[in-house]
Amino acid sequence: MFPDDAGPLFALYRDLYEATDAAVSPLVGRTLETLGYDRRYSLRPSGQRAAVPRWEDSFAWDGHALTTLRPVVLDVGAAGKGYLVDIVGGLLLDAGLTSFVIDASGDIVHSGHAPIRVGLEHPADPTRAIGVVDLANGSLCASASNRRSWGDGLHHIIDATTGLPTDRVVATWAVAATGLVADGLATALFFADPERLARYFEFDFVRMYADGRVQRSAHLDGELFA
């Protein structure tokens, strides 16, 4: 059994799984372990890459209980930090605080009357920004393949359909109403076209490709320098 507030987390993962044609999945845990991103952070691939099992073959989620159908290693890192900052934000609101910023290193939640300007870190040079976003009463979450990377082309953003780190997109930023959704979309943007994701979610975005091209949503409240 999971706590009641875990329902939105797994519901989001189900939507992301469908919206990305199974590329985003909480079942990448075992694959990450074999690539060296394990509980000890050995960063040493085992040489025996584990295929990512299909959702339908692995567990059933009824909104309250998760029933596993086979041994699985769940990894909710694609949306887990956003889920956490939403919980912290809820605690602050319950305590009567209405103006605050939670910065969880790449996952930001803002509440208050005055928006904040957030720089979008260049994935190849942390001293530079490729643009800025004005964030007001919402969340901005970022993801990049240069973070939590090791070895030759190995990093934490795994395509569940191949079991390999993705390489077409190198950085993403998603703006949404909650940290949970923004964090999940920051991962989904590595795999799915924004138009496809917009059928499921309301959001704005920026993403950078490996060749340096940058794409942004039409109504993004901000500007790009590149």
Protein backbone atom coordinates (compact mmCIF):
# COMPACT_ATOMS: atom_id res chain seq x y z
CA MET A 1 0.00 0.00 0.00
CA PHE A 2 1.09 3.56 -0.70
CA PRO A 3 0.03 6.78 1.07
CA ASP A 4 -3.04 8.50 -0.35
CA ASP A 5 -0.99 11.24 -1.97
CA ALA A 6 0.88 8.67 -4.09
CA GLY A 7 -2.16 8.32 -6.34
CA PRO A 8 -1.30 11.33 -8.52
CA LEU A 9 2.30 10.12 -8.88
CA PHE A 10 1.36 6.77 -10.39
CA ALA A 11 -1.51 8.30 -12.37
CA LEU A 12 1.00 10.70 -13.91
CA TYR A 13 3.36 7.85 -14.75
CA ARG A 14 0.57 6.02 -16.51
CA ASP A 15 -0.20 9.09 -18.63
CA LEU A 16 3.50 9.63 -19.39
CA TYR A 17 3.86 5.97 -20.34
CA GLU A 18 1.03 6.31 -22.86
CA ALA A 19 2.03 9.77 -24.13
CA THR A 20 5.61 8.66 -24.86
CA ASP A 21 4.72 5.23 -26.29
CA ALA A 22 6.29 3.54 -23.24
CA ALA A 23 9.58 5.51 -23.32
CA VAL A 24 8.95 6.96 -19.82
CA SER A 25 8.37 4.22 -17.28
CA PRO A 26 8.91 3.71 -13.53
CA LEU A 27 10.27 0.26 -14.40
CA VAL A 28 13.74 1.45 -15.48
CA GLY A 29 15.21 0.79 -12.03
CA ARG A 30 16.82 -2.56 -12.80
CA THR A 31 18.25 -1.24 -16.07
CA LEU A 32 19.85 1.70 -14.26
CA GLU A 33 21.38 -0.72 -11.77
CA THR A 34 23.01 -2.79 -14.52
CA LEU A 35 24.39 0.41 -16.07
CA GLY A 36 26.09 1.25 -12.76
CA TYR A 37 23.56 3.66 -11.26
CA ASP A 38 22.85 1.38 -8.32
CA ARG A 39 22.25 1.78 -4.58
CA ARG A 40 26.01 2.14 -3.98
CA TYR A 41 26.52 4.47 -6.95
CA SER A 42 29.27 2.20 -8.20
CA LEU A 43 29.00 3.75 -11.70
CA ARG A 44 30.36 0.51 -13.10
CA PRO A 45 28.20 -1.21 -15.73
CA SER A 46 27.73 -4.91 -15.10
CA GLY A 47 27.91 -5.78 -18.79
CA GLN A 48 24.52 -7.48 -18.63
CA ARG A 49 21.97 -4.82 -19.55
CA ALA A 50 18.48 -5.59 -18.30
CA ALA A 51 15.59 -4.92 -20.65
CA VAL A 52 12.86 -2.71 -19.22
CA PRO A 53 9.70 -4.76 -18.63
CA ARG A 54 6.34 -3.60 -19.93
CA TRP A 55 3.93 -1.91 -17.54
CA GLU A 56 1.13 -4.32 -18.47
CA ASP A 57 3.29 -7.34 -17.66
CA SER A 58 4.71 -6.02 -14.38
CA PHE A 59 2.13 -4.50 -12.06
CA ALA A 60 -1.39 -3.27 -11.59
CA TRP A 61 -2.25 0.05 -9.93
CA ASP A 62 -5.83 0.69 -8.76
CA GLY A 63 -5.25 4.16 -7.34
CA HIS A 64 -4.42 2.93 -3.84
CA ALA A 65 -2.53 -0.35 -4.03
CA LEU A 66 0.25 -1.50 -6.34
CA THR A 67 0.18 -5.21 -7.12
CA THR A 68 3.35 -6.56 -8.67
CA LEU A 69 3.08 -9.42 -11.13
CA ARG A 70 6.83 -10.09 -11.27
CA PRO A 71 9.95 -8.92 -9.43
CA VAL A 72 10.50 -5.25 -10.33
CA VAL A 73 12.72 -2.35 -9.27
CA LEU A 74 10.69 0.86 -9.32
CA ASP A 75 12.40 4.16 -10.03
CA VAL A 76 10.23 7.25 -9.75
CA GLY A 77 13.10 9.68 -10.29
CA ALA A 78 11.53 11.14 -13.43
CA ALA A 79 8.84 12.83 -11.33
CA GLY A 80 9.75 12.06 -7.72
CA LYS A 81 11.52 15.31 -6.88
CA GLY A 82 8.64 17.35 -8.27
CA TYR A 83 6.29 15.21 -6.19
CA LEU A 84 8.39 16.06 -3.12
CA VAL A 85 8.49 19.82 -3.68
CA ASP A 86 4.70 19.84 -4.08
CA ILE A 87 4.41 18.12 -0.70
CA VAL A 88 6.71 20.72 0.88
CA GLY A 89 4.73 23.51 -0.76
CA GLY A 90 1.51 22.06 0.61
CA LEU A 91 2.97 22.05 4.11
CA LEU A 92 3.92 25.71 3.77
CA LEU A 93 0.44 26.64 2.56
CA ASP A 94 -1.11 24.68 5.43
CA ALA A 95 1.08 26.68 7.81
CA GLY A 96 -0.36 29.93 6.41
CA LEU A 97 2.59 30.90 4.19
CA THR A 98 1.46 32.07 0.76
CA SER A 99 4.66 33.62 -0.61
CA PHE A 100 7.64 31.29 -1.04
CA VAL A 101 10.09 29.69 -3.45
CA ILE A 102 11.23 26.08 -3.13
CA ASP A 103 14.40 25.39 -5.10
CA ALA A 104 15.26 21.69 -5.15
CA SER A 105 18.20 21.95 -7.54
CA GLY A 106 16.47 22.00 -10.88
CA ASP A 107 12.90 21.69 -9.59
CA ILE A 108 11.37 25.00 -8.50
CA VAL A 109 7.94 25.79 -7.07
CA HIS A 110 6.85 29.42 -6.70
CA SER A 111 3.94 30.95 -4.81
CA GLY A 112 3.26 34.66 -4.36
CA HIS A 113 2.40 37.92 -6.06
CA ALA A 114 5.81 38.77 -7.51
CA PRO A 115 7.16 36.42 -10.21
CA ILE A 116 10.79 35.33 -10.21
CA ARG A 117 13.21 35.13 -13.14
CA VAL A 118 14.90 31.78 -13.56
CA GLY A 119 17.96 31.25 -15.74
CA LEU A 120 18.09 28.19 -17.99
CA GLU A 121 21.54 26.68 -17.49
CA HIS A 122 23.44 25.72 -20.62
CA PRO A 123 23.97 21.93 -20.42
CA ALA A 124 27.53 22.22 -21.72
CA ASP A 125 28.58 25.22 -19.60
CA PRO A 126 27.02 25.86 -16.16
CA THR A 127 28.40 29.42 -16.18
CA ARG A 128 26.08 30.33 -19.07
CA ALA A 129 22.31 30.52 -19.55
CA ILE A 130 20.48 29.90 -22.81
CA GLY A 131 17.54 32.01 -21.64
CA VAL A 132 15.31 33.07 -18.76
CA VAL A 133 11.76 32.23 -17.71
CA ASP A 134 9.46 34.36 -15.55
CA LEU A 135 7.79 31.97 -13.11
CA ALA A 136 4.64 32.91 -11.19
CA ASN A 137 2.55 30.57 -9.06
CA GLY A 138 3.67 27.39 -10.71
CA SER A 139 6.62 25.10 -11.17
CA LEU A 140 9.65 25.00 -13.44
CA CYS A 141 11.58 21.74 -13.66
CA ALA A 142 14.73 21.01 -15.63
CA SER A 143 16.55 17.89 -16.73
CA ALA A 144 19.81 17.39 -18.60
CA SER A 145 21.93 14.46 -19.69
CA ASN A 146 25.13 16.11 -18.39
CA ARG A 147 23.88 15.66 -14.82
CA ARG A 148 24.23 12.25 -13.19
CA SER A 149 26.36 11.04 -16.08
CA TRP A 150 29.26 8.61 -16.06
CA GLY A 151 31.24 6.44 -18.47
CA ASP A 152 30.90 6.70 -22.23
CA GLY A 153 27.49 8.18 -22.99
CA LEU A 154 25.91 6.84 -19.80
CA HIS A 155 23.46 8.97 -17.85
CA HIS A 156 20.24 8.65 -15.88
CA ILE A 157 17.69 9.44 -18.62
CA ILE A 158 16.75 6.02 -19.94
CA ASP A 159 14.53 5.25 -22.90
CA ALA A 160 12.41 2.40 -21.54
CA THR A 161 11.77 1.09 -25.06
CA THR A 162 15.47 0.47 -25.67
CA GLY A 163 16.96 0.31 -22.18
CA LEU A 164 19.62 2.83 -23.25
CA PRO A 165 20.35 6.46 -22.34
CA THR A 166 18.77 8.86 -24.79
CA ASP A 167 21.00 11.06 -26.98
CA ARG A 168 18.76 13.14 -29.31
CA VAL A 169 17.81 15.77 -26.72
CA VAL A 170 20.34 16.96 -24.12
CA ALA A 171 18.33 19.34 -21.90
CA THR A 172 14.70 20.20 -21.17
CA TRP A 173 12.72 22.67 -19.08
CA ALA A 174 8.99 22.35 -18.38
CA VAL A 175 6.64 24.86 -16.76
CA ALA A 176 3.38 23.55 -15.31
CA ALA A 177 0.98 24.15 -12.45
CA THR A 178 2.63 21.57 -10.17
CA GLY A 179 6.12 20.26 -9.59
CA LEU A 180 4.92 16.71 -10.16
CA VAL A 181 3.68 17.42 -13.67
CA ALA A 182 6.56 19.74 -14.61
CA ASP A 183 9.14 17.20 -13.44
CA GLY A 184 7.52 14.35 -15.32
CA LEU A 185 7.25 16.44 -18.48
CA ALA A 186 10.90 17.49 -18.24
CA THR A 187 11.71 13.79 -18.73
CA ALA A 188 8.99 13.13 -21.30
CA LEU A 189 10.29 15.96 -23.52
CA PHE A 190 13.41 13.88 -24.18
CA PHE A 191 11.26 11.33 -26.00
CA ALA A 192 7.95 12.76 -27.21
CA ASP A 193 6.94 15.70 -29.39
CA PRO A 194 5.41 18.54 -27.35
CA GLU A 195 2.29 18.39 -29.53
CA ARG A 196 1.70 14.81 -28.42
CA LEU A 197 2.25 15.68 -24.75
CA ALA A 198 -0.14 18.65 -25.06
CA ARG A 199 -2.98 16.17 -25.60
CA TYR A 200 -2.49 15.08 -21.99
CA PHE A 201 -1.04 18.12 -20.18
CA GLU A 202 -1.07 21.92 -20.10
CA PHE A 203 2.48 23.26 -20.02
CA ASP A 204 5.19 25.40 -21.59
CA PHE A 205 8.66 24.19 -22.42
CA VAL A 206 12.16 24.69 -23.75
CA ARG A 207 14.35 21.86 -25.02
CA MET A 208 17.81 21.69 -26.50
CA TYR A 209 18.93 19.09 -29.02
CA ALA A 210 22.34 17.47 -29.23
CA ASP A 211 23.14 19.53 -32.35
CA GLY A 212 22.54 22.79 -30.46
CA ARG A 213 19.08 23.59 -31.79
CA VAL A 214 16.64 25.00 -29.23
CA GLN A 215 12.87 24.64 -29.35
CA ARG A 216 10.35 26.54 -27.20
CA SER A 217 6.61 26.74 -26.73
CA ALA A 218 4.82 29.65 -28.37
CA HIS A 219 3.47 31.16 -25.13
CA LEU A 220 6.51 30.71 -22.91
CA ASP A 221 6.80 33.62 -20.46
CA GLY A 222 10.48 34.29 -21.02
CA GLU A 223 13.17 34.70 -23.64
CA LEU A 224 15.97 32.67 -25.20
CA PHE A 225 19.47 33.94 -25.91
CA ALA A 226 20.41 31.13 -28.32
